[in-house]
Amino acid sequence: MHHPSGTVAPVDPQNLIAQPDYAKQLRPLLPDEAFTPDRATPIVLGLNGAILLLGWAMARQLDASHWQGLLIFLPFALVMGNAVVVLLFATHDLMHSKAIRQPQLRQAVQVLGLALLWMPPTLWKAVHNREHHGKTNSEQDPDRNYTLQQPHSWGKWIQNLFVPSLEVHPFWLWVGMTSAWGVHAFRNLTSVLLFNNGSTRYPVFSFQVSRRERRRIAIELAAVVMVHLAIIGFIGLRPVPLLLGYFLPIWIGYSVVIAYIYTNHLACQLTETNDPLINSISLKMPAFFDTLHLNFSYHTEHHIFPGMNPAYYPQVRALLLEHYPERFNLLPPRDAWQLLMRTPRHYVDATTFASSCGSITRPCPLS
């Protein structure tokens, strides 16, 4: 259903429904095959990895003096950028399921799948699978908005500069589209690798990992660095091929990824009870994009059943519209983006947003 962007009374905390309760009610209404691993995920990863390998081989042959070849390559750079997006979304699904059971192969695929995102798989499991899914849009969620009361830090300053809000400058918004994912990865990487004390001030919320996880994150990060160095070495240290074959696809991929991620939760109220219908947003995307991006727009559905085969999320959506039509935040992408651009990005409390200096406040537009 479409929610208006005006003031809406916040949901009474007593009326929040925990994620396991939704899952318990809806699970008997879904087929068993919806909860078996999607065996196509490794194939999707392989195909998009092949697209990137082909693109880097093409970029290696580019000649800055032959402008016709550069123009012909640009559309393929867009295809490569989409491959970066699909690598993240497919690896995300893989790490919620057991589509690859062999441990060493699974680990290698995870490292390669997340390498272009500068995200060690062990860190992803901690920040996304454990912290974000377990504490979605609560005070303890590292993926929420900053609060107004949190101390000023470089992390908070960059969010003010980059993230869509009523006070963001259009230029810095566009810069942020290509860079905000990197800031997110860097912020969490440095927090756990350099400090890991749960009290660093610059992340949205500082969490800790175990000594074993910290060691694995460092090893995986080294592997990720080697992947990037190998790509750059393969293309060659020439500005134009590197710009078009390495940087441009990554910037395109990051922009698409962060556009989805911005709409997932940032316009929602804080909830100490993890109620996915209140603290998450699903998008009504054209079928082409849902096919291309593995139904990533079905975000509320994913938060109810994280390990589900994404092909069955439309069935979950139909059940949510049937059983919880007044709670379900289902918006066209344009409307979801406009909510972000019409509201500030700092929480004053669970249901109120404020600008960076606190002079402008708005009620959370979704209930």
Protein backbone atom coordinates (compact mmCIF):
# COMPACT_ATOMS: atom_id res chain seq x y z
CA MET A 1 0.00 0.00 0.00
CA HIS A 2 1.09 3.61 -0.53
CA HIS A 3 1.64 5.70 2.59
CA PRO A 4 1.13 9.46 2.46
CA SER A 5 4.11 11.60 3.36
CA GLY A 6 2.29 13.77 5.89
CA THR A 7 2.28 13.43 9.65
CA VAL A 8 1.18 10.03 10.86
CA ALA A 9 0.70 8.97 14.45
CA PRO A 10 3.58 6.70 15.52
CA VAL A 11 2.91 3.05 16.19
CA ASP A 12 2.39 2.36 19.89
CA PRO A 13 5.41 0.33 21.11
CA GLN A 14 2.92 -2.02 22.74
CA ASN A 15 1.57 -2.86 19.28
CA LEU A 16 4.90 -3.85 17.73
CA ILE A 17 5.16 -7.43 16.50
CA ALA A 18 8.50 -9.23 16.66
CA GLN A 19 10.00 -10.78 13.52
CA PRO A 20 9.68 -14.39 14.80
CA ASP A 21 5.95 -13.86 15.32
CA TYR A 22 5.44 -12.82 11.69
CA ALA A 23 7.51 -15.80 10.55
CA LYS A 24 5.53 -18.19 12.77
CA GLN A 25 2.22 -17.03 11.31
CA LEU A 26 3.28 -16.89 7.65
CA ARG A 27 5.52 -19.97 7.41
CA PRO A 28 2.64 -22.51 7.21
CA LEU A 29 1.17 -20.54 4.29
CA LEU A 30 4.30 -20.92 2.16
CA PRO A 31 5.58 -23.95 0.22
CA ASP A 32 8.50 -25.94 1.63
CA GLU A 33 10.59 -25.35 -1.51
CA ALA A 34 10.66 -21.63 -0.68
CA PHE A 35 13.09 -22.46 2.13
CA THR A 36 15.49 -24.63 0.15
CA PRO A 37 18.73 -22.97 -1.06
CA ASP A 38 18.59 -21.32 -4.46
CA ARG A 39 21.01 -23.45 -6.47
CA ALA A 40 21.08 -20.78 -9.19
CA THR A 41 22.98 -18.35 -6.94
CA PRO A 42 26.46 -19.77 -7.72
CA ILE A 43 25.60 -19.65 -11.44
CA VAL A 44 24.54 -16.00 -11.15
CA LEU A 45 27.80 -15.22 -9.37
CA GLY A 46 29.82 -16.99 -12.05
CA LEU A 47 28.07 -15.24 -14.93
CA ASN A 48 28.56 -11.78 -13.45
CA GLY A 49 32.15 -12.57 -12.54
CA ALA A 50 32.68 -13.54 -16.20
CA ILE A 51 31.16 -10.22 -17.32
CA LEU A 52 33.69 -8.36 -15.18
CA LEU A 53 36.61 -10.47 -16.42
CA LEU A 54 35.58 -9.78 -20.02
CA GLY A 55 35.25 -6.07 -19.27
CA TRP A 56 38.71 -5.87 -17.71
CA ALA A 57 40.18 -7.71 -20.71
CA MET A 58 38.48 -5.19 -23.00
CA ALA A 59 39.69 -2.27 -20.88
CA ARG A 60 43.24 -3.58 -21.16
CA GLN A 61 43.02 -3.06 -24.93
CA LEU A 62 41.62 0.48 -24.78
CA ASP A 63 43.69 3.21 -26.39
CA ALA A 64 43.09 6.78 -25.24
CA SER A 65 43.80 8.06 -28.77
CA HIS A 66 41.01 5.93 -30.30
CA TRP A 67 37.91 7.72 -29.03
CA GLN A 68 35.56 5.46 -30.99
CA GLY A 69 36.67 2.46 -28.95
CA LEU A 70 36.17 4.40 -25.74
CA LEU A 71 32.59 5.30 -26.72
CA ILE A 72 31.84 1.70 -27.61
CA PHE A 73 33.18 0.55 -24.25
CA LEU A 74 31.00 2.92 -22.18
CA PRO A 75 27.77 0.86 -22.48
CA PHE A 76 29.71 -2.21 -21.39
CA ALA A 77 30.99 -0.28 -18.36
CA LEU A 78 27.32 0.10 -17.40
CA VAL A 79 26.87 -3.68 -17.73
CA MET A 80 29.96 -4.16 -15.56
CA GLY A 81 28.52 -1.78 -12.98
CA ASN A 82 25.38 -3.87 -12.81
CA ALA A 83 27.57 -6.96 -12.36
CA VAL A 84 29.06 -5.30 -9.26
CA VAL A 85 25.52 -4.85 -7.92
CA VAL A 86 24.55 -8.46 -8.64
CA LEU A 87 27.74 -9.80 -7.05
CA LEU A 88 26.77 -8.09 -3.79
CA PHE A 89 23.12 -9.12 -3.90
CA ALA A 90 23.89 -12.73 -4.89
CA THR A 91 26.64 -13.06 -2.26
CA HIS A 92 24.25 -11.52 0.26
CA ASP A 93 21.73 -14.28 -0.55
CA LEU A 94 24.44 -16.94 -0.49
CA MET A 95 25.53 -15.89 3.01
CA HIS A 96 21.95 -16.20 4.30
CA SER A 97 21.62 -19.73 2.90
CA LYS A 98 23.60 -22.91 2.20
CA ALA A 99 23.59 -22.82 -1.59
CA ILE A 100 27.28 -23.83 -1.42
CA ARG A 101 27.96 -26.37 1.31
CA GLN A 102 31.67 -27.10 0.79
CA PRO A 103 33.38 -24.78 3.33
CA GLN A 104 36.53 -23.88 1.39
CA LEU A 105 34.66 -23.25 -1.86
CA ARG A 106 32.00 -21.26 -0.01
CA GLN A 107 34.67 -19.08 1.63
CA ALA A 108 36.48 -18.45 -1.66
CA VAL A 109 33.24 -17.49 -3.43
CA GLN A 110 32.29 -15.14 -0.59
CA VAL A 111 35.66 -13.36 -0.69
CA LEU A 112 35.50 -12.94 -4.48
CA GLY A 113 31.83 -11.95 -4.40
CA LEU A 114 32.41 -9.15 -1.89
CA ALA A 115 35.92 -8.11 -2.97
CA LEU A 116 34.84 -5.22 -5.20
CA LEU A 117 32.76 -3.93 -2.27
CA TRP A 118 35.82 -3.92 0.04
CA MET A 119 33.86 -6.09 2.45
CA PRO A 120 35.50 -9.12 4.13
CA PRO A 121 32.84 -11.85 4.46
CA THR A 122 33.42 -12.29 8.19
CA LEU A 123 32.76 -8.58 8.73
CA TRP A 124 29.62 -8.83 6.58
CA LYS A 125 28.36 -11.70 8.71
CA ALA A 126 28.92 -9.59 11.82
CA VAL A 127 27.61 -6.22 10.67
CA HIS A 128 24.77 -7.45 8.45
CA ASN A 129 23.63 -10.96 9.40
CA ARG A 130 24.15 -10.60 13.14
CA GLU A 131 23.97 -6.93 14.12
CA HIS A 132 21.64 -5.47 11.48
CA HIS A 133 19.21 -8.37 11.16
CA GLY A 134 19.16 -9.05 14.88
CA LYS A 135 18.68 -5.41 15.92
CA THR A 136 17.07 -3.79 12.87
CA ASN A 137 16.65 -0.02 13.20
CA SER A 138 17.12 -0.09 16.95
CA GLU A 139 19.62 1.99 18.91
CA GLN A 140 22.06 -0.93 18.53
CA ASP A 141 21.78 -1.21 14.72
CA PRO A 142 25.01 -0.08 12.97
CA ASP A 143 23.00 0.64 9.79
CA ARG A 144 20.51 3.17 11.21
CA ASN A 145 20.64 6.97 11.05
CA TYR A 146 22.83 8.76 13.56
CA THR A 147 21.00 10.34 16.49
CA LEU A 148 21.11 14.07 17.12
CA GLN A 149 22.63 13.40 20.54
CA GLN A 150 25.58 11.39 19.23
CA PRO A 151 28.89 13.28 19.35
CA HIS A 152 30.13 14.96 16.20
CA SER A 153 32.61 12.75 14.38
CA TRP A 154 33.95 12.36 10.88
CA GLY A 155 31.48 9.52 10.30
CA LYS A 156 28.53 11.69 11.27
CA TRP A 157 29.90 14.63 9.25
CA ILE A 158 30.14 12.48 6.11
CA GLN A 159 26.57 11.24 6.60
CA ASN A 160 25.39 14.85 6.84
CA LEU A 161 27.26 15.58 3.61
CA PHE A 162 26.30 12.50 1.55
CA VAL A 163 22.99 10.97 2.65
CA PRO A 164 19.67 12.10 1.08
CA SER A 165 17.83 14.56 3.34
CA LEU A 166 16.13 17.93 3.15
CA GLU A 167 19.47 19.64 3.83
CA VAL A 168 21.82 17.70 1.51
CA HIS A 169 23.49 19.61 -1.32
CA PRO A 170 22.80 18.01 -4.75
CA PHE A 171 26.50 17.92 -5.64
CA TRP A 172 27.50 16.07 -2.47
CA LEU A 173 24.52 13.75 -2.81
CA TRP A 174 25.84 12.63 -6.19
CA VAL A 175 29.38 12.30 -4.85
CA GLY A 176 27.95 10.26 -2.02
CA MET A 177 26.17 7.90 -4.37
CA THR A 178 29.55 6.70 -5.64
CA SER A 179 31.31 6.86 -2.27
CA ALA A 180 28.91 6.20 0.63
CA TRP A 181 29.25 2.42 0.39
CA GLY A 182 33.03 2.77 0.69
CA VAL A 183 32.60 5.01 3.74
CA HIS A 184 30.30 2.41 5.31
CA ALA A 185 32.85 -0.36 4.75
CA PHE A 186 35.80 1.77 5.93
CA ARG A 187 33.97 2.93 9.05
CA ASN A 188 33.17 -0.60 10.22
CA LEU A 189 36.47 -2.11 9.10
CA THR A 190 38.60 0.38 11.00
CA SER A 191 36.37 0.20 14.05
CA VAL A 192 36.79 -3.56 14.52
CA LEU A 193 40.37 -3.90 13.25
CA LEU A 194 41.94 -0.91 15.01
CA PHE A 195 39.85 -0.71 18.19
CA ASN A 196 37.21 -3.44 18.62
CA ASN A 197 36.23 -2.05 22.00
CA GLY A 198 32.56 -1.28 21.37
CA SER A 199 33.07 2.40 22.21
CA THR A 200 34.46 4.05 19.07
CA ARG A 201 32.59 7.26 18.42
CA TYR A 202 32.56 7.57 14.62
CA PRO A 203 30.45 4.52 13.63
CA VAL A 204 26.67 4.78 13.88
CA PHE A 205 26.87 2.08 16.53
CA SER A 206 30.09 0.44 17.62
CA PHE A 207 30.01 -3.34 17.93
CA GLN A 208 32.66 -5.90 18.77
CA VAL A 209 33.79 -9.10 17.09
CA SER A 210 35.58 -12.08 18.61
CA ARG A 211 39.36 -12.45 18.45
CA ARG A 212 38.94 -15.22 15.86
CA GLU A 213 36.59 -13.08 13.74
CA ARG A 214 38.97 -10.14 13.94
CA ARG A 215 41.85 -12.29 12.68
CA ARG A 216 39.74 -13.66 9.83
CA ILE A 217 38.63 -10.14 8.85
CA ALA A 218 42.28 -9.04 8.61
CA ILE A 219 43.20 -12.06 6.45
CA GLU A 220 40.20 -11.58 4.19
CA LEU A 221 40.95 -7.87 3.84
CA ALA A 222 44.46 -8.76 2.68
CA ALA A 223 42.90 -11.07 0.06
CA VAL A 224 40.55 -8.28 -1.05
CA VAL A 225 43.50 -5.88 -1.47
CA MET A 226 45.27 -8.50 -3.58
CA VAL A 227 42.19 -8.86 -5.80
CA HIS A 228 42.11 -5.11 -6.45
CA LEU A 229 45.85 -4.94 -7.10
CA ALA A 230 45.54 -7.86 -9.50
CA ILE A 231 42.74 -6.11 -11.44
CA ILE A 232 44.69 -2.84 -11.63
CA GLY A 233 47.86 -4.68 -12.67
CA PHE A 234 45.96 -6.62 -15.34
CA ILE A 235 44.39 -3.49 -16.87
CA GLY A 236 47.67 -1.59 -16.61
CA LEU A 237 48.63 1.70 -15.01
CA ARG A 238 47.08 3.88 -17.72
CA PRO A 239 44.58 6.56 -16.64
CA VAL A 240 41.84 6.14 -19.26
CA PRO A 241 41.59 2.31 -19.18
CA LEU A 242 41.67 2.38 -15.38
CA LEU A 243 39.00 5.07 -15.23
CA LEU A 244 36.62 3.32 -17.64
CA GLY A 245 37.38 -0.30 -16.78
CA TYR A 246 37.99 -0.18 -13.03
CA PHE A 247 36.69 2.97 -11.37
CA LEU A 248 33.59 3.67 -13.49
CA PRO A 249 31.97 0.20 -13.06
CA ILE A 250 32.65 0.33 -9.32
CA TRP A 251 31.15 3.82 -9.04
CA ILE A 252 28.07 2.72 -11.00
CA GLY A 253 27.70 -0.41 -8.86
CA TYR A 254 28.09 1.49 -5.60
CA SER A 255 25.50 4.06 -6.72
CA VAL A 256 22.85 1.43 -7.47
CA VAL A 257 23.59 -0.51 -4.29
CA ILE A 258 23.39 2.54 -2.04
CA ALA A 259 20.21 3.78 -3.74
CA TYR A 260 18.51 0.55 -2.65
CA ILE A 261 20.09 0.64 0.82
CA TYR A 262 19.09 4.24 1.53
CA THR A 263 15.43 3.34 1.05
CA ASN A 264 15.53 0.17 3.18
CA HIS A 265 15.20 1.73 6.65
CA LEU A 266 16.31 5.39 6.84
CA ALA A 267 12.80 6.87 6.58
CA CYS A 268 11.45 4.53 9.28
CA GLN A 269 11.08 5.00 13.01
CA LEU A 270 13.36 3.36 15.54
CA THR A 271 11.96 0.18 17.08
CA GLU A 272 13.46 -1.59 20.07
CA THR A 273 11.25 -4.57 19.19
CA ASN A 274 12.40 -5.81 15.78
CA ASP A 275 9.18 -5.32 13.81
CA PRO A 276 10.11 -5.55 10.10
CA LEU A 277 6.81 -4.10 8.90
CA ILE A 278 7.41 -0.93 10.90
CA ASN A 279 11.20 -0.52 10.61
CA SER A 280 11.65 -1.55 6.96
CA ILE A 281 10.45 -0.50 3.50
CA SER A 282 9.83 -2.61 0.42
CA LEU A 283 9.83 -1.08 -3.06
CA LYS A 284 7.40 -1.63 -5.92
CA MET A 285 10.03 -1.95 -8.63
CA PRO A 286 9.43 -2.79 -12.31
CA ALA A 287 9.64 -6.54 -12.90
CA PHE A 288 12.76 -6.09 -15.05
CA PHE A 289 14.75 -4.66 -12.14
CA ASP A 290 13.48 -7.28 -9.72
CA THR A 291 14.64 -9.99 -12.11
CA LEU A 292 17.97 -8.26 -12.69
CA HIS A 293 18.60 -7.61 -8.98
CA LEU A 294 17.33 -10.87 -7.47
CA ASN A 295 14.24 -9.35 -5.82
CA PHE A 296 16.34 -7.17 -3.54
CA SER A 297 13.47 -4.64 -3.48
CA TYR A 298 11.48 -7.13 -1.36
CA HIS A 299 13.27 -5.91 1.73
CA THR A 300 10.63 -6.26 4.42
CA GLU A 301 9.95 -9.77 3.14
CA HIS A 302 13.66 -10.53 3.41
CA HIS A 303 13.77 -9.33 7.01
CA ILE A 304 10.97 -11.71 7.94
CA PHE A 305 12.58 -14.69 6.19
CA PRO A 306 16.31 -13.88 5.73
CA GLY A 307 17.27 -17.33 4.44
CA MET A 308 14.39 -17.72 2.02
CA ASN A 309 14.84 -18.29 -1.72
CA PRO A 310 14.31 -14.74 -3.10
CA ALA A 311 12.18 -16.08 -5.96
CA TYR A 312 9.40 -16.67 -3.41
CA TYR A 313 9.36 -13.17 -1.91
CA PRO A 314 6.36 -12.17 -4.09
CA GLN A 315 4.34 -14.83 -2.26
CA VAL A 316 5.37 -13.32 1.07
CA ARG A 317 4.37 -9.85 -0.19
CA ALA A 318 0.92 -11.13 -1.16
CA LEU A 319 0.47 -12.57 2.34
CA LEU A 320 1.59 -9.33 3.98
CA LEU A 321 -0.87 -7.33 1.89
CA GLU A 322 -3.58 -9.77 2.90
CA HIS A 323 -2.85 -10.00 6.62
CA TYR A 324 -1.11 -6.69 7.48
CA PRO A 325 -2.11 -4.09 4.84
CA GLU A 326 -2.06 -1.15 7.26
CA ARG A 327 1.38 -1.97 8.67
CA PHE A 328 3.27 -2.82 5.48
CA ASN A 329 5.50 -0.04 4.09
CA LEU A 330 5.32 -0.75 0.34
CA LEU A 331 6.26 2.24 -1.80
CA PRO A 332 7.21 3.09 -5.38
CA PRO A 333 10.92 3.98 -5.50
CA ARG A 334 10.18 7.61 -6.36
CA ASP A 335 7.97 8.00 -3.28
CA ALA A 336 10.52 6.30 -1.02
CA TRP A 337 13.24 8.63 -2.29
CA GLN A 338 11.03 11.71 -1.84
CA LEU A 339 10.44 10.74 1.80
CA LEU A 340 14.19 10.80 2.33
CA MET A 341 14.61 14.14 0.58
CA ARG A 342 11.78 15.76 2.59
CA THR A 343 13.01 14.73 6.04
CA PRO A 344 16.18 15.28 8.10
CA ARG A 345 18.46 12.30 8.82
CA HIS A 346 19.05 12.37 12.58
CA TYR A 347 16.84 10.79 15.21
CA VAL A 348 15.76 13.06 18.07
CA ASP A 349 13.72 10.16 19.41
CA ALA A 350 12.17 7.03 17.94
CA THR A 351 9.59 8.91 15.87
CA THR A 352 11.18 12.33 15.22
CA PHE A 353 13.88 13.38 12.75
CA ALA A 354 16.06 16.49 13.12
CA SER A 355 18.52 18.35 10.92
CA SER A 356 22.24 18.21 11.72
CA CYS A 357 22.09 21.30 13.93
CA GLY A 358 18.69 20.43 15.41
CA SER A 359 16.92 23.54 14.10
CA ILE A 360 14.51 21.58 11.87
CA THR A 361 12.44 18.68 13.13
CA ARG A 362 9.96 16.45 11.34
CA PRO A 363 7.85 13.52 12.53
CA CYS A 364 8.67 10.17 11.01
CA PRO A 365 6.41 9.98 7.94
CA LEU A 366 5.71 6.24 8.20
CA SER A 367 3.75 4.30 10.78
